[in-house]
């Protein structure tokens, strides 16, 4: 159960949150950062490896950010562009 929770958190949460930014690059970077944070936290909470969680979550978040369109989910401009 721990591994499935980690995988779910690492893959689904970044997908939902990776929409920060207007360009594919901004969305990929913010998705990677969010995914790495969520993955590390999920790994730590479930007793898994926070490093593995961060790597998997970061990759999933970056992919979600690059593969989704700005109009799919729009959370506004990234912090570094405000």
Protein backbone atom coordinates (compact mmCIF):
# COMPACT_ATOMS: atom_id res chain seq x y z
CA UNK A 1 0.00 0.00 0.00
CA UNK A 2 2.86 2.40 0.74
CA UNK A 3 4.32 2.05 -2.73
CA UNK A 4 0.96 2.62 -4.41
CA UNK A 5 0.36 5.74 -2.32
CA UNK A 6 3.79 7.08 -3.19
CA UNK A 7 3.24 6.40 -6.87
CA UNK A 8 -0.21 8.00 -6.83
CA UNK A 9 1.02 11.10 -5.04
CA UNK A 10 4.09 11.37 -7.24
CA UNK A 11 2.10 11.10 -10.46
CA UNK A 12 -1.31 12.63 -9.83
CA UNK A 13 -0.64 15.65 -7.64
CA UNK A 14 1.99 17.17 -9.91
CA UNK A 15 -0.36 16.71 -12.86
CA UNK A 16 -2.99 18.76 -11.08
CA UNK A 17 -0.55 21.42 -9.91
CA UNK A 18 1.86 21.72 -12.82
CA UNK A 19 -0.01 24.43 -14.65
CA UNK A 20 1.96 27.41 -13.33
CA UNK A 21 3.31 29.42 -16.22
CA UNK A 22 2.54 30.42 -19.73
CA UNK A 23 5.28 28.69 -21.73
CA UNK A 24 6.07 24.99 -21.89
CA UNK A 25 9.42 25.72 -20.21
CA UNK A 26 7.81 27.56 -17.27
CA UNK A 27 5.22 24.83 -16.90
CA UNK A 28 7.85 22.10 -17.02
CA UNK A 29 10.05 23.81 -14.42
CA UNK A 30 7.23 24.56 -12.01
CA UNK A 31 5.79 21.08 -12.50
CA UNK A 32 9.18 19.52 -11.75
CA UNK A 33 9.59 21.60 -8.58
CA UNK A 34 6.10 20.84 -7.32
CA UNK A 35 6.40 17.17 -8.23
CA UNK A 36 9.77 16.79 -6.52
CA UNK A 37 8.42 18.36 -3.34
CA UNK A 38 5.30 16.23 -3.30
CA UNK A 39 7.25 13.09 -4.15
CA UNK A 40 9.83 13.68 -1.41
CA UNK A 41 7.11 14.35 1.14
CA UNK A 42 5.17 11.25 0.09
CA UNK A 43 8.33 9.15 0.32
CA UNK A 44 9.10 10.45 3.79
CA UNK A 45 5.54 10.00 5.08
CA UNK A 46 5.17 6.46 3.75
CA UNK A 47 8.54 5.28 4.98
CA UNK A 48 9.94 5.08 1.47
CA UNK A 49 12.89 6.93 0.07
CA UNK A 50 12.37 10.71 -0.15
CA UNK A 51 15.07 10.85 -2.85
CA UNK A 52 13.28 8.29 -5.01
CA UNK A 53 10.00 10.10 -4.42
CA UNK A 54 11.56 13.40 -5.44
CA UNK A 55 13.02 11.93 -8.63
CA UNK A 56 9.80 10.21 -9.67
CA UNK A 57 7.64 13.18 -8.67
CA UNK A 58 9.92 15.67 -10.39
CA UNK A 59 9.92 13.69 -13.61
CA UNK A 60 6.13 13.27 -13.51
CA UNK A 61 5.60 16.95 -12.74
CA UNK A 62 7.93 18.10 -15.50
CA UNK A 63 6.21 15.82 -18.01
CA UNK A 64 2.78 16.99 -16.90
CA UNK A 65 3.82 20.62 -17.20
CA UNK A 66 5.26 20.20 -20.67
CA UNK A 67 2.50 17.97 -21.99
CA UNK A 68 -0.47 20.03 -20.79
CA UNK A 69 -1.61 23.25 -22.39
CA UNK A 70 -1.92 26.56 -20.56
CA UNK A 71 -5.67 26.47 -21.15
CA UNK A 72 -6.08 23.00 -19.60
CA UNK A 73 -5.26 24.24 -16.10
CA UNK A 74 -4.22 27.84 -15.50
CA UNK A 75 -2.94 28.86 -12.07
CA UNK A 76 -1.45 32.14 -13.29
CA UNK A 77 2.08 33.38 -13.83
CA UNK A 78 4.91 31.62 -12.04
CA UNK A 79 6.36 33.34 -8.97
CA UNK A 80 9.61 34.22 -10.77
CA UNK A 81 7.69 36.26 -13.39
CA UNK A 82 5.53 38.33 -11.02
